Amino acid sequence: MSVLLITYDFVEPGPAVDALLGIIHSYKHIQLSEGSFAIETHEKTRTIFNKMRPSLGENAHLLVATLIKPFSGTVSDPVSDWLTKHLSEY
């Protein structure tokens, strides 16, 4: 199983954000920051991107990328623990 980084930015938040969050929350996930999540899935980055694309407007940005160990960051202990448990080794 892979862990994917989902990071987004909406110029004007609204129902589109709710739709995007609904998709994210359907997976095992952890919130990394206001507009960033890590999700655990067997699906490919392109598949996840295509699921989320209809929620995007013209002024929204979305990145879906694969995360692997090692990682570094100033994150909370629960986030660090979740990533340590779920990320694969390179």
PDB file of N, CA and C in Angstrom:
ATOM      1  N   MET A   1       0.854  -1.172   0.000  1.00  0.00           N
ATOM      2  CA  MET A   1       0.000   0.000   0.000  1.00  0.00           C
ATOM      3  C   MET A   1       0.896   1.230   0.000  1.00  0.00           C
ATOM      4  N   SER A   2       0.473   2.273  -0.672  1.00  0.00           N
ATOM      5  CA  SER A   2       1.232   3.517  -0.770  1.00  0.00           C
ATOM      6  C   SER A   2       0.628   4.600   0.106  1.00  0.00           C
ATOM      7  N   VAL A   3       1.454   5.569   0.447  1.00  0.00           N
ATOM      8  CA  VAL A   3       0.973   6.778   1.106  1.00  0.00           C
ATOM      9  C   VAL A   3       1.178   7.919   0.116  1.00  0.00           C
ATOM     10  N   LEU A   4       0.107   8.641  -0.140  1.00  0.00           N
ATOM     11  CA  LEU A   4       0.152   9.747  -1.087  1.00  0.00           C
ATOM     12  C   LEU A   4      -0.035  11.067  -0.361  1.00  0.00           C
ATOM     13  N   LEU A   5       0.708  12.052  -0.792  1.00  0.00           N
ATOM     14  CA  LEU A   5       0.544  13.420  -0.312  1.00  0.00           C
ATOM     15  C   LEU A   5      -0.505  14.084  -1.175  1.00  0.00           C
ATOM     16  N   ILE A   6      -1.505  14.660  -0.539  1.00  0.00           N
ATOM     17  CA  ILE A   6      -2.522  15.463  -1.218  1.00  0.00           C
ATOM     18  C   ILE A   6      -2.359  16.877  -0.686  1.00  0.00           C
ATOM     19  N   THR A   7      -2.013  17.803  -1.538  1.00  0.00           N
ATOM     20  CA  THR A   7      -1.914  19.195  -1.107  1.00  0.00           C
ATOM     21  C   THR A   7      -2.710  20.054  -2.084  1.00  0.00           C
ATOM     22  N   TYR A   8      -3.494  20.960  -1.538  1.00  0.00           N
ATOM     23  CA  TYR A   8      -4.371  21.773  -2.373  1.00  0.00           C
ATOM     24  C   TYR A   8      -4.406  23.206  -1.855  1.00  0.00           C
ATOM     25  N   ASP A   9      -4.836  24.087  -2.754  1.00  0.00           N
ATOM     26  CA  ASP A   9      -5.001  25.498  -2.420  1.00  0.00           C
ATOM     27  C   ASP A   9      -6.156  26.032  -3.252  1.00  0.00           C
ATOM     28  N   PHE A  10      -7.164  26.583  -2.581  1.00  0.00           N
ATOM     29  CA  PHE A  10      -8.307  27.183  -3.254  1.00  0.00           C
ATOM     30  C   PHE A  10      -8.271  28.680  -3.017  1.00  0.00           C
ATOM     31  N   VAL A  11      -8.393  29.458  -4.079  1.00  0.00           N
ATOM     32  CA  VAL A  11      -8.451  30.911  -3.939  1.00  0.00           C
ATOM     33  C   VAL A  11      -9.730  31.296  -3.217  1.00  0.00           C
ATOM     34  N   GLU A  12     -10.833  30.656  -3.569  1.00  0.00           N
ATOM     35  CA  GLU A  12     -12.113  30.910  -2.927  1.00  0.00           C
ATOM     36  C   GLU A  12     -12.688  29.598  -2.408  1.00  0.00           C
ATOM     37  N   PRO A  13     -12.471  29.294  -1.108  1.00  0.00           N
ATOM     38  CA  PRO A  13     -13.006  28.046  -0.557  1.00  0.00           C
ATOM     39  C   PRO A  13     -14.532  28.030  -0.614  1.00  0.00           C
ATOM     40  N   GLY A  14     -15.081  26.861  -0.630  1.00  0.00           N
ATOM     41  CA  GLY A  14     -16.529  26.699  -0.678  1.00  0.00           C
ATOM     42  C   GLY A  14     -16.873  25.240  -0.817  1.00  0.00           C
ATOM     43  N   PRO A  15     -17.951  24.949  -1.533  1.00  0.00           N
ATOM     44  CA  PRO A  15     -18.387  23.559  -1.692  1.00  0.00           C
ATOM     45  C   PRO A  15     -17.332  22.659  -2.322  1.00  0.00           C
ATOM     46  N   ALA A  16     -16.463  23.215  -3.158  1.00  0.00           N
ATOM     47  CA  ALA A  16     -15.411  22.409  -3.789  1.00  0.00           C
ATOM     48  C   ALA A  16     -14.465  21.827  -2.744  1.00  0.00           C
ATOM     49  N   VAL A  17     -14.146  22.598  -1.722  1.00  0.00           N
ATOM     50  CA  VAL A  17     -13.276  22.103  -0.653  1.00  0.00           C
ATOM     51  C   VAL A  17     -13.968  20.964   0.083  1.00  0.00           C
ATOM     52  N   ASP A  18     -15.257  21.115   0.353  1.00  0.00           N
ATOM     53  CA  ASP A  18     -16.006  20.064   1.035  1.00  0.00           C
ATOM     54  C   ASP A  18     -15.994  18.772   0.220  1.00  0.00           C
ATOM     55  N   ALA A  19     -16.140  18.875  -1.100  1.00  0.00           N
ATOM     56  CA  ALA A  19     -16.113  17.698  -1.964  1.00  0.00           C
ATOM     57  C   ALA A  19     -14.740  17.031  -1.929  1.00  0.00           C
ATOM     58  N   LEU A  20     -13.692  17.842  -1.976  1.00  0.00           N
ATOM     59  CA  LEU A  20     -12.330  17.320  -1.919  1.00  0.00           C
ATOM     60  C   LEU A  20     -12.067  16.635  -0.579  1.00  0.00           C
ATOM     61  N   LEU A  21     -12.496  17.267   0.502  1.00  0.00           N
ATOM     62  CA  LEU A  21     -12.314  16.670   1.829  1.00  0.00           C
ATOM     63  C   LEU A  21     -13.110  15.375   1.974  1.00  0.00           C
ATOM     64  N   GLY A  22     -14.263  15.303   1.355  1.00  0.00           N
ATOM     65  CA  GLY A  22     -15.048  14.075   1.385  1.00  0.00           C
ATOM     66  C   GLY A  22     -14.284  12.914   0.762  1.00  0.00           C
ATOM     67  N   ILE A  23     -13.597  13.181  -0.330  1.00  0.00           N
ATOM     68  CA  ILE A  23     -12.784  12.143  -0.981  1.00  0.00           C
ATOM     69  C   ILE A  23     -11.619  11.760  -0.070  1.00  0.00           C
ATOM     70  N   ILE A  24     -10.924  12.738   0.463  1.00  0.00           N
ATOM     71  CA  ILE A  24      -9.778  12.471   1.349  1.00  0.00           C
ATOM     72  C   ILE A  24     -10.214  11.650   2.555  1.00  0.00           C
ATOM     73  N   HIS A  25     -11.325  12.020   3.162  1.00  0.00           N
ATOM     74  CA  HIS A  25     -11.788  11.339   4.373  1.00  0.00           C
ATOM     75  C   HIS A  25     -12.282   9.919   4.123  1.00  0.00           C
ATOM     76  N   SER A  26     -12.443   9.541   2.849  1.00  0.00           N
ATOM     77  CA  SER A  26     -12.859   8.173   2.541  1.00  0.00           C
ATOM     78  C   SER A  26     -11.679   7.192   2.613  1.00  0.00           C
ATOM     79  N   TYR A  27     -10.479   7.714   2.832  1.00  0.00           N
ATOM     80  CA  TYR A  27      -9.266   6.901   2.956  1.00  0.00           C
ATOM     81  C   TYR A  27      -8.732   6.995   4.387  1.00  0.00           C
ATOM     82  N   LYS A  28      -7.872   6.045   4.781  1.00  0.00           N
ATOM     83  CA  LYS A  28      -7.098   6.227   6.001  1.00  0.00           C
ATOM     84  C   LYS A  28      -6.218   7.428   5.727  1.00  0.00           C
ATOM     85  N   HIS A  29      -6.247   8.410   6.616  1.00  0.00           N
ATOM     86  CA  HIS A  29      -5.543   9.660   6.330  1.00  0.00           C
ATOM     87  C   HIS A  29      -5.093  10.346   7.612  1.00  0.00           C
ATOM     88  N   ILE A  30      -4.216  11.324   7.412  1.00  0.00           N
ATOM     89  CA  ILE A  30      -3.827  12.225   8.498  1.00  0.00           C
ATOM     90  C   ILE A  30      -3.614  13.601   7.886  1.00  0.00           C
ATOM     91  N   GLN A  31      -4.028  14.618   8.606  1.00  0.00           N
ATOM     92  CA  GLN A  31      -3.851  15.986   8.134  1.00  0.00           C
ATOM     93  C   GLN A  31      -2.465  16.464   8.516  1.00  0.00           C
ATOM     94  N   LEU A  32      -1.722  16.952   7.531  1.00  0.00           N
ATOM     95  CA  LEU A  32      -0.365  17.443   7.743  1.00  0.00           C
ATOM     96  C   LEU A  32      -0.334  18.944   8.013  1.00  0.00           C
ATOM     97  N   SER A  33      -1.196  19.673   7.329  1.00  0.00           N
ATOM     98  CA  SER A  33      -1.319  21.123   7.504  1.00  0.00           C
ATOM     99  C   SER A  33      -2.696  21.518   6.978  1.00  0.00           C
ATOM    100  N   GLU A  34      -2.970  22.807   6.934  1.00  0.00           N
ATOM    101  CA  GLU A  34      -4.316  23.259   6.551  1.00  0.00           C
ATOM    102  C   GLU A  34      -4.778  22.684   5.217  1.00  0.00           C
ATOM    103  N   GLY A  35      -3.915  22.649   4.233  1.00  0.00           N
ATOM    104  CA  GLY A  35      -4.310  22.154   2.911  1.00  0.00           C
ATOM    105  C   GLY A  35      -3.524  20.936   2.469  1.00  0.00           C
ATOM    106  N   SER A  36      -3.008  20.154   3.425  1.00  0.00           N
ATOM    107  CA  SER A  36      -2.208  18.980   3.077  1.00  0.00           C
ATOM    108  C   SER A  36      -2.592  17.773   3.929  1.00  0.00           C
ATOM    109  N   PHE A  37      -2.727  16.654   3.260  1.00  0.00           N
ATOM    110  CA  PHE A  37      -3.062  15.395   3.904  1.00  0.00           C
ATOM    111  C   PHE A  37      -2.171  14.294   3.357  1.00  0.00           C
ATOM    112  N   ALA A  38      -2.010  13.240   4.134  1.00  0.00           N
ATOM    113  CA  ALA A  38      -1.424  12.000   3.650  1.00  0.00           C
ATOM    114  C   ALA A  38      -2.533  10.965   3.702  1.00  0.00           C
ATOM    115  N   ILE A  39      -2.680  10.191   2.620  1.00  0.00           N
ATOM    116  CA  ILE A  39      -3.681   9.133   2.585  1.00  0.00           C
ATOM    117  C   ILE A  39      -2.988   7.811   2.273  1.00  0.00           C
ATOM    118  N   GLU A  40      -3.568   6.725   2.770  1.00  0.00           N
ATOM    119  CA  GLU A  40      -3.052   5.388   2.477  1.00  0.00           C
ATOM    120  C   GLU A  40      -3.992   4.729   1.477  1.00  0.00           C
ATOM    121  N   THR A  41      -3.432   4.195   0.379  1.00  0.00           N
ATOM    122  CA  THR A  41      -4.258   3.636  -0.690  1.00  0.00           C
ATOM    123  C   THR A  41      -3.455   2.687  -1.562  1.00  0.00           C
ATOM    124  N   HIS A  42      -4.180   1.826  -2.271  1.00  0.00           N
ATOM    125  CA  HIS A  42      -3.588   0.977  -3.302  1.00  0.00           C
ATOM    126  C   HIS A  42      -3.660   1.672  -4.664  1.00  0.00           C
ATOM    127  N   GLU A  43      -4.382   2.780  -4.730  1.00  0.00           N
ATOM    128  CA  GLU A  43      -4.593   3.466  -6.006  1.00  0.00           C
ATOM    129  C   GLU A  43      -3.377   4.306  -6.397  1.00  0.00           C
ATOM    130  N   LYS A  44      -3.259   4.560  -7.686  1.00  0.00           N
ATOM    131  CA  LYS A  44      -2.140   5.345  -8.212  1.00  0.00           C
ATOM    132  C   LYS A  44      -2.421   6.841  -8.063  1.00  0.00           C
ATOM    133  N   THR A  45      -1.348   7.621  -8.114  1.00  0.00           N
ATOM    134  CA  THR A  45      -1.488   9.073  -7.986  1.00  0.00           C
ATOM    135  C   THR A  45      -2.455   9.633  -9.027  1.00  0.00           C
ATOM    136  N   ARG A  46      -2.365   9.167 -10.254  1.00  0.00           N
ATOM    137  CA  ARG A  46      -3.231   9.671 -11.337  1.00  0.00           C
ATOM    138  C   ARG A  46      -4.695   9.345 -11.046  1.00  0.00           C
ATOM    139  N   THR A  47      -4.969   8.171 -10.497  1.00  0.00           N
ATOM    140  CA  THR A  47      -6.348   7.789 -10.164  1.00  0.00           C
ATOM    141  C   THR A  47      -6.928   8.734  -9.120  1.00  0.00           C
ATOM    142  N   ILE A  48      -6.153   9.002  -8.073  1.00  0.00           N
ATOM    143  CA  ILE A  48      -6.611   9.912  -7.018  1.00  0.00           C
ATOM    144  C   ILE A  48      -6.794  11.313  -7.591  1.00  0.00           C
ATOM    145  N   PHE A  49      -5.838  11.775  -8.376  1.00  0.00           N
ATOM    146  CA  PHE A  49      -5.950  13.104  -8.992  1.00  0.00           C
ATOM    147  C   PHE A  49      -7.233  13.196  -9.830  1.00  0.00           C
ATOM    148  N   ASN A  50      -7.505  12.173 -10.631  1.00  0.00           N
ATOM    149  CA  ASN A  50      -8.698  12.191 -11.486  1.00  0.00           C
ATOM    150  C   ASN A  50      -9.987  12.183 -10.671  1.00  0.00           C
ATOM    151  N   LYS A  51      -9.992  11.545  -9.495  1.00  0.00           N
ATOM    152  CA  LYS A  51     -11.171  11.587  -8.616  1.00  0.00           C
ATOM    153  C   LYS A  51     -11.405  12.993  -8.087  1.00  0.00           C
ATOM    154  N   MET A  52     -10.313  13.719  -7.813  1.00  0.00           N
ATOM    155  CA  MET A  52     -10.412  15.034  -7.192  1.00  0.00           C
ATOM    156  C   MET A  52     -10.574  16.166  -8.205  1.00  0.00           C
ATOM    157  N   ARG A  53     -10.138  15.940  -9.407  1.00  0.00           N
ATOM    158  CA  ARG A  53     -10.141  16.994 -10.432  1.00  0.00           C
ATOM    159  C   ARG A  53     -11.504  17.667 -10.637  1.00  0.00           C
ATOM    160  N   PRO A  54     -12.615  16.921 -10.644  1.00  0.00           N
ATOM    161  CA  PRO A  54     -13.913  17.586 -10.839  1.00  0.00           C
ATOM    162  C   PRO A  54     -14.239  18.613  -9.746  1.00  0.00           C
ATOM    163  N   SER A  55     -13.603  18.502  -8.582  1.00  0.00           N
ATOM    164  CA  SER A  55     -13.861  19.447  -7.488  1.00  0.00           C
ATOM    165  C   SER A  55     -13.093  20.746  -7.647  1.00  0.00           C
ATOM    166  N   LEU A  56     -12.164  20.793  -8.575  1.00  0.00           N
ATOM    167  CA  LEU A  56     -11.303  21.963  -8.719  1.00  0.00           C
ATOM    168  C   LEU A  56     -11.922  23.008  -9.634  1.00  0.00           C
ATOM    169  N   GLY A  57     -11.729  24.243  -9.290  1.00  0.00           N
ATOM    170  CA  GLY A  57     -12.109  25.343 -10.171  1.00  0.00           C
ATOM    171  C   GLY A  57     -10.871  25.812 -10.928  1.00  0.00           C
ATOM    172  N   GLU A  58     -11.034  26.907 -11.639  1.00  0.00           N
ATOM    173  CA  GLU A  58      -9.912  27.443 -12.417  1.00  0.00           C
ATOM    174  C   GLU A  58      -8.776  27.961 -11.542  1.00  0.00           C
ATOM    175  N   ASN A  59      -9.093  28.445 -10.355  1.00  0.00           N
ATOM    176  CA  ASN A  59      -8.082  29.050  -9.493  1.00  0.00           C
ATOM    177  C   ASN A  59      -7.633  28.134  -8.361  1.00  0.00           C
ATOM    178  N   ALA A  60      -7.830  26.841  -8.506  1.00  0.00           N
ATOM    179  CA  ALA A  60      -7.413  25.889  -7.477  1.00  0.00           C
ATOM    180  C   ALA A  60      -6.162  25.154  -7.932  1.00  0.00           C
ATOM    181  N   HIS A  61      -5.360  24.761  -6.966  1.00  0.00           N
ATOM    182  CA  HIS A  61      -4.144  24.012  -7.241  1.00  0.00           C
ATOM    183  C   HIS A  61      -4.212  22.705  -6.464  1.00  0.00           C
ATOM    184  N   LEU A  62      -3.756  21.620  -7.082  1.00  0.00           N
ATOM    185  CA  LEU A  62      -3.774  20.307  -6.456  1.00  0.00           C
ATOM    186  C   LEU A  62      -2.521  19.551  -6.859  1.00  0.00           C
ATOM    187  N   LEU A  63      -1.881  18.922  -5.886  1.00  0.00           N
ATOM    188  CA  LEU A  63      -0.732  18.067  -6.141  1.00  0.00           C
ATOM    189  C   LEU A  63      -0.968  16.744  -5.426  1.00  0.00           C
ATOM    190  N   VAL A  64      -0.747  15.648  -6.135  1.00  0.00           N
ATOM    191  CA  VAL A  64      -0.806  14.304  -5.562  1.00  0.00           C
ATOM    192  C   VAL A  64       0.559  13.669  -5.832  1.00  0.00           C
ATOM    193  N   ALA A  65       1.255  13.274  -4.770  1.00  0.00           N
ATOM    194  CA  ALA A  65       2.602  12.711  -4.907  1.00  0.00           C
ATOM    195  C   ALA A  65       2.770  11.552  -3.926  1.00  0.00           C
ATOM    196  N   THR A  66       3.648  10.637  -4.257  1.00  0.00           N
ATOM    197  CA  THR A  66       3.926   9.497  -3.391  1.00  0.00           C
ATOM    198  C   THR A  66       4.941   9.883  -2.324  1.00  0.00           C
ATOM    199  N   LEU A  67       4.679   9.467  -1.086  1.00  0.00           N
ATOM    200  CA  LEU A  67       5.594   9.715   0.028  1.00  0.00           C
ATOM    201  C   LEU A  67       6.292   8.413   0.407  1.00  0.00           C
ATOM    202  N   ILE A  68       7.584   8.495   0.715  1.00  0.00           N
ATOM    203  CA  ILE A  68       8.343   7.338   1.180  1.00  0.00           C
ATOM    204  C   ILE A  68       9.294   7.782   2.283  1.00  0.00           C
ATOM    205  N   LYS A  69       9.810   6.815   3.060  1.00  0.00           N
ATOM    206  CA  LYS A  69      10.831   7.103   4.067  1.00  0.00           C
ATOM    207  C   LYS A  69      12.160   7.253   3.360  1.00  0.00           C
ATOM    208  N   PRO A  70      13.050   8.019   3.893  1.00  0.00           N
ATOM    209  CA  PRO A  70      12.924   8.788   5.126  1.00  0.00           C
ATOM    210  C   PRO A  70      12.176  10.096   4.882  1.00  0.00           C
ATOM    211  N   PHE A  71      11.722  10.710   5.953  1.00  0.00           N
ATOM    212  CA  PHE A  71      11.080  12.015   5.867  1.00  0.00           C
ATOM    213  C   PHE A  71      11.631  12.882   6.993  1.00  0.00           C
ATOM    214  N   SER A  72      11.552  14.166   6.813  1.00  0.00           N
ATOM    215  CA  SER A  72      11.956  15.136   7.830  1.00  0.00           C
ATOM    216  C   SER A  72      10.933  16.246   7.857  1.00  0.00           C
ATOM    217  N   GLY A  73      10.692  16.801   9.026  1.00  0.00           N
ATOM    218  CA  GLY A  73       9.767  17.909   9.117  1.00  0.00           C
ATOM    219  C   GLY A  73       9.467  18.271  10.546  1.00  0.00           C
ATOM    220  N   THR A  74       8.929  19.447  10.703  1.00  0.00           N
ATOM    221  CA  THR A  74       8.494  19.900  12.020  1.00  0.00           C
ATOM    222  C   THR A  74       6.995  19.662  12.109  1.00  0.00           C
ATOM    223  N   VAL A  75       6.642  18.415  12.425  1.00  0.00           N
ATOM    224  CA  VAL A  75       5.243  18.025  12.521  1.00  0.00           C
ATOM    225  C   VAL A  75       4.965  17.544  13.940  1.00  0.00           C
ATOM    226  N   SER A  76       3.693  17.447  14.267  1.00  0.00           N
ATOM    227  CA  SER A  76       3.314  16.988  15.608  1.00  0.00           C
ATOM    228  C   SER A  76       3.686  15.508  15.774  1.00  0.00           C
ATOM    229  N   ASP A  77       3.755  15.065  17.026  1.00  0.00           N
ATOM    230  CA  ASP A  77       4.075  13.662  17.304  1.00  0.00           C
ATOM    231  C   ASP A  77       3.074  12.701  16.655  1.00  0.00           C
ATOM    232  N   PRO A  78       1.769  12.984  16.711  1.00  0.00           N
ATOM    233  CA  PRO A  78       0.830  12.057  16.058  1.00  0.00           C
ATOM    234  C   PRO A  78       1.077  11.942  14.547  1.00  0.00           C
ATOM    235  N   VAL A  79       1.406  13.046  13.890  1.00  0.00           N
ATOM    236  CA  VAL A  79       1.688  13.006  12.453  1.00  0.00           C
ATOM    237  C   VAL A  79       2.968  12.217  12.201  1.00  0.00           C
ATOM    238  N   SER A  80       4.017  12.491  12.962  1.00  0.00           N
ATOM    239  CA  SER A  80       5.272  11.769  12.812  1.00  0.00           C
ATOM    240  C   SER A  80       5.074  10.272  13.040  1.00  0.00           C
ATOM    241  N   ASP A  81       4.315   9.915  14.067  1.00  0.00           N
ATOM    242  CA  ASP A  81       4.043   8.507  14.359  1.00  0.00           C
ATOM    243  C   ASP A  81       3.275   7.845  13.218  1.00  0.00           C
ATOM    244  N   TRP A  82       2.253   8.540  12.683  1.00  0.00           N
ATOM    245  CA  TRP A  82       1.446   7.987  11.591  1.00  0.00           C
ATOM    246  C   TRP A  82       2.322   7.753  10.371  1.00  0.00           C
ATOM    247  N   LEU A  83       3.137   8.749  10.013  1.00  0.00           N
ATOM    248  CA  LEU A  83       4.007   8.607   8.846  1.00  0.00           C
ATOM    249  C   LEU A  83       5.026   7.495   9.046  1.00  0.00           C
ATOM    250  N   THR A  84       5.620   7.411  10.235  1.00  0.00           N
ATOM    251  CA  THR A  84       6.589   6.366  10.527  1.00  0.00           C
ATOM    252  C   THR A  84       5.956   4.991  10.362  1.00  0.00           C
ATOM    253  N   LYS A  85       4.722   4.844  10.805  1.00  0.00           N
ATOM    254  CA  LYS A  85       4.020   3.566  10.733  1.00  0.00           C
ATOM    255  C   LYS A  85       3.602   3.194   9.305  1.00  0.00           C
ATOM    256  N   HIS A  86       3.187   4.183   8.513  1.00  0.00           N
ATOM    257  CA  HIS A  86       2.567   3.895   7.222  1.00  0.00           C
ATOM    258  C   HIS A  86       3.478   4.041   5.994  1.00  0.00           C
ATOM    259  N   LEU A  87       4.543   4.813   6.088  1.00  0.00           N
ATOM    260  CA  LEU A  87       5.396   5.021   4.912  1.00  0.00           C
ATOM    261  C   LEU A  87       6.274   3.810   4.641  1.00  0.00           C
ATOM    262  N   SER A  88       6.469   3.521   3.355  1.00  0.00           N
ATOM    263  CA  SER A  88       7.385   2.461   2.943  1.00  0.00           C
ATOM    264  C   SER A  88       8.800   3.002   2.871  1.00  0.00           C
ATOM    265  N   GLU A  89       9.766   2.084   2.974  1.00  0.00           N
ATOM    266  CA  GLU A  89      11.175   2.449   2.794  1.00  0.00           C
ATOM    267  C   GLU A  89      11.455   2.633   1.312  1.00  0.00           C
ATOM    268  N   TYR A  90      12.390   3.491   0.990  1.00  0.00           N
ATOM    269  CA  TYR A  90      12.793   3.704  -0.388  1.00  0.00           C
ATOM    270  C   TYR A  90      13.490   2.472  -0.912  1.00  0.00           C
TER     271      TYR A  90
END
